[in-house]
Amino acid sequence: MSVTLIDNISFKDFLKQNKDLIYNLARKNTKLNLENKPMISKDDAWFYEDEWDEHFKKDK
């Protein structure tokens, strides 16, 4: 199954055509710690994201 985007391009084709751009943007926007591992800083708005907390409590 394929998702169709604007101008009848599939999501798969969009990713394939824009792979380098997407990868470079992701690398540019990813903070790394001293061990060169991706991290979320404490001042990032997503750091305190709690929307999934209830869901994970139910799984335990």
N, C-alpha and C. Protein backbone atom coordinates (compact mmCIF):
# COMPACT_ATOMS: atom_id res chain seq x y z
N MET A 1 0.84 -1.17 0.00
CA MET A 1 0.00 0.00 0.00
C MET A 1 0.89 1.25 0.00
N SER A 2 0.46 2.24 -0.73
CA SER A 2 1.24 3.45 -0.85
C SER A 2 0.36 4.67 -0.58
N VAL A 3 0.90 5.63 0.12
CA VAL A 3 0.18 6.86 0.42
C VAL A 3 0.48 7.86 -0.70
N THR A 4 -0.58 8.46 -1.24
CA THR A 4 -0.39 9.45 -2.30
C THR A 4 -0.38 10.85 -1.71
N LEU A 5 0.60 11.62 -2.10
CA LEU A 5 0.73 13.00 -1.64
C LEU A 5 0.28 13.94 -2.74
N ILE A 6 0.58 15.21 -2.59
CA ILE A 6 0.27 16.22 -3.60
C ILE A 6 0.95 15.85 -4.92
N ASP A 7 0.30 16.15 -6.02
CA ASP A 7 0.84 15.92 -7.37
C ASP A 7 1.03 14.43 -7.67
N ASN A 8 0.23 13.57 -7.03
CA ASN A 8 0.23 12.13 -7.29
C ASN A 8 1.57 11.44 -7.07
N ILE A 9 2.38 11.97 -6.17
CA ILE A 9 3.64 11.31 -5.82
C ILE A 9 3.40 10.50 -4.54
N SER A 10 3.89 9.28 -4.52
CA SER A 10 3.71 8.45 -3.33
C SER A 10 4.70 8.90 -2.26
N PHE A 11 4.37 8.61 -1.01
CA PHE A 11 5.26 8.96 0.09
C PHE A 11 6.60 8.26 -0.08
N LYS A 12 6.55 7.01 -0.52
CA LYS A 12 7.77 6.24 -0.75
C LYS A 12 8.66 6.94 -1.79
N ASP A 13 8.06 7.40 -2.88
CA ASP A 13 8.82 8.09 -3.92
C ASP A 13 9.34 9.44 -3.42
N PHE A 14 8.51 10.14 -2.63
CA PHE A 14 8.93 11.41 -2.05
C PHE A 14 10.18 11.22 -1.20
N LEU A 15 10.15 10.19 -0.34
CA LEU A 15 11.32 9.92 0.50
C LEU A 15 12.54 9.57 -0.34
N LYS A 16 12.32 8.77 -1.36
CA LYS A 16 13.43 8.36 -2.22
C LYS A 16 14.04 9.58 -2.94
N GLN A 17 13.18 10.47 -3.44
CA GLN A 17 13.65 11.64 -4.18
C GLN A 17 14.30 12.69 -3.28
N ASN A 18 13.93 12.71 -2.01
CA ASN A 18 14.42 13.75 -1.10
C ASN A 18 15.26 13.18 0.05
N LYS A 19 15.77 11.99 -0.12
CA LYS A 19 16.50 11.30 0.94
C LYS A 19 17.65 12.13 1.52
N ASP A 20 18.47 12.69 0.66
CA ASP A 20 19.64 13.45 1.13
C ASP A 20 19.21 14.71 1.89
N LEU A 21 18.22 15.42 1.37
CA LEU A 21 17.73 16.63 2.02
C LEU A 21 17.13 16.29 3.39
N ILE A 22 16.31 15.26 3.45
CA ILE A 22 15.69 14.86 4.72
C ILE A 22 16.75 14.45 5.73
N TYR A 23 17.71 13.65 5.30
CA TYR A 23 18.79 13.20 6.18
C TYR A 23 19.60 14.38 6.71
N ASN A 24 19.96 15.30 5.82
CA ASN A 24 20.77 16.46 6.23
C ASN A 24 20.01 17.36 7.20
N LEU A 25 18.72 17.57 6.97
CA LEU A 25 17.91 18.37 7.90
C LEU A 25 17.81 17.69 9.26
N ALA A 26 17.63 16.39 9.25
CA ALA A 26 17.55 15.65 10.51
C ALA A 26 18.87 15.73 11.28
N ARG A 27 19.97 15.56 10.58
CA ARG A 27 21.29 15.66 11.24
C ARG A 27 21.52 17.06 11.80
N LYS A 28 21.13 18.08 11.04
CA LYS A 28 21.31 19.46 11.46
C LYS A 28 20.49 19.77 12.71
N ASN A 29 19.32 19.16 12.84
CA ASN A 29 18.42 19.44 13.95
C ASN A 29 18.55 18.47 15.13
N THR A 30 19.55 17.59 15.08
CA THR A 30 19.75 16.61 16.14
C THR A 30 20.93 17.02 17.01
N LYS A 31 20.66 17.16 18.31
CA LYS A 31 21.73 17.46 19.25
C LYS A 31 22.37 16.15 19.70
N LEU A 32 23.68 16.16 19.84
CA LEU A 32 24.42 14.97 20.26
C LEU A 32 25.07 15.21 21.61
N ASN A 33 25.14 14.15 22.43
CA ASN A 33 25.81 14.27 23.72
C ASN A 33 27.31 14.03 23.54
N LEU A 34 28.05 13.96 24.64
CA LEU A 34 29.50 13.79 24.56
C LEU A 34 29.92 12.45 23.95
N GLU A 35 29.00 11.47 23.97
CA GLU A 35 29.28 10.17 23.37
C GLU A 35 28.80 10.11 21.92
N ASN A 36 28.42 11.24 21.38
CA ASN A 36 27.93 11.35 20.00
C ASN A 36 26.61 10.62 19.78
N LYS A 37 25.82 10.52 20.84
CA LYS A 37 24.50 9.89 20.74
C LYS A 37 23.43 10.97 20.73
N PRO A 38 22.36 10.77 19.94
CA PRO A 38 21.29 11.78 19.90
C PRO A 38 20.66 11.98 21.28
N MET A 39 20.27 13.22 21.57
CA MET A 39 19.66 13.51 22.86
C MET A 39 18.63 14.62 22.72
N ILE A 40 17.78 14.74 23.72
CA ILE A 40 16.82 15.83 23.80
C ILE A 40 17.25 16.68 24.98
N SER A 41 17.48 17.96 24.74
CA SER A 41 17.91 18.82 25.83
C SER A 41 16.75 19.15 26.76
N LYS A 42 17.06 19.52 27.99
CA LYS A 42 16.03 19.81 28.98
C LYS A 42 15.19 21.02 28.60
N ASP A 43 15.72 21.92 27.80
CA ASP A 43 14.94 23.10 27.40
C ASP A 43 14.15 22.89 26.11
N ASP A 44 14.17 21.68 25.57
CA ASP A 44 13.37 21.36 24.39
C ASP A 44 11.91 21.21 24.79
N ALA A 45 11.01 21.76 24.01
CA ALA A 45 9.58 21.70 24.32
C ALA A 45 9.06 20.26 24.42
N TRP A 46 9.69 19.33 23.72
CA TRP A 46 9.25 17.94 23.74
C TRP A 46 9.80 17.16 24.93
N PHE A 47 10.72 17.74 25.67
CA PHE A 47 11.33 17.04 26.80
C PHE A 47 10.29 16.62 27.83
N TYR A 48 9.33 17.48 28.07
CA TYR A 48 8.31 17.19 29.08
C TYR A 48 7.01 16.68 28.46
N GLU A 49 7.08 16.15 27.25
CA GLU A 49 5.91 15.61 26.57
C GLU A 49 5.37 14.44 27.38
N ASP A 50 4.09 14.49 27.73
CA ASP A 50 3.51 13.44 28.58
C ASP A 50 2.26 12.80 27.99
N GLU A 51 2.02 13.00 26.71
CA GLU A 51 0.81 12.47 26.09
C GLU A 51 0.72 10.95 26.12
N TRP A 52 1.84 10.26 26.17
CA TRP A 52 1.82 8.80 26.12
C TRP A 52 1.88 8.16 27.51
N ASP A 53 2.03 8.96 28.56
CA ASP A 53 2.17 8.40 29.91
C ASP A 53 1.02 7.48 30.29
N GLU A 54 -0.20 7.89 30.08
CA GLU A 54 -1.37 7.07 30.43
C GLU A 54 -1.36 5.76 29.65
N HIS A 55 -1.02 5.84 28.40
CA HIS A 55 -0.99 4.64 27.55
C HIS A 55 0.03 3.63 28.11
N PHE A 56 1.22 4.10 28.45
CA PHE A 56 2.24 3.19 28.94
C PHE A 56 1.92 2.65 30.33
N LYS A 57 1.21 3.42 31.14
CA LYS A 57 0.79 2.93 32.46
C LYS A 57 -0.15 1.75 32.30
N LYS A 58 -1.02 1.80 31.30
CA LYS A 58 -1.97 0.71 31.05
C LYS A 58 -1.27 -0.56 30.59
N ASP A 59 -0.15 -0.41 29.88
CA ASP A 59 0.58 -1.57 29.39
C ASP A 59 1.30 -2.34 30.48
N LYS A 60 1.59 -1.67 31.60
CA LYS A 60 2.35 -2.32 32.67
C LYS A 60 1.48 -3.19 33.46
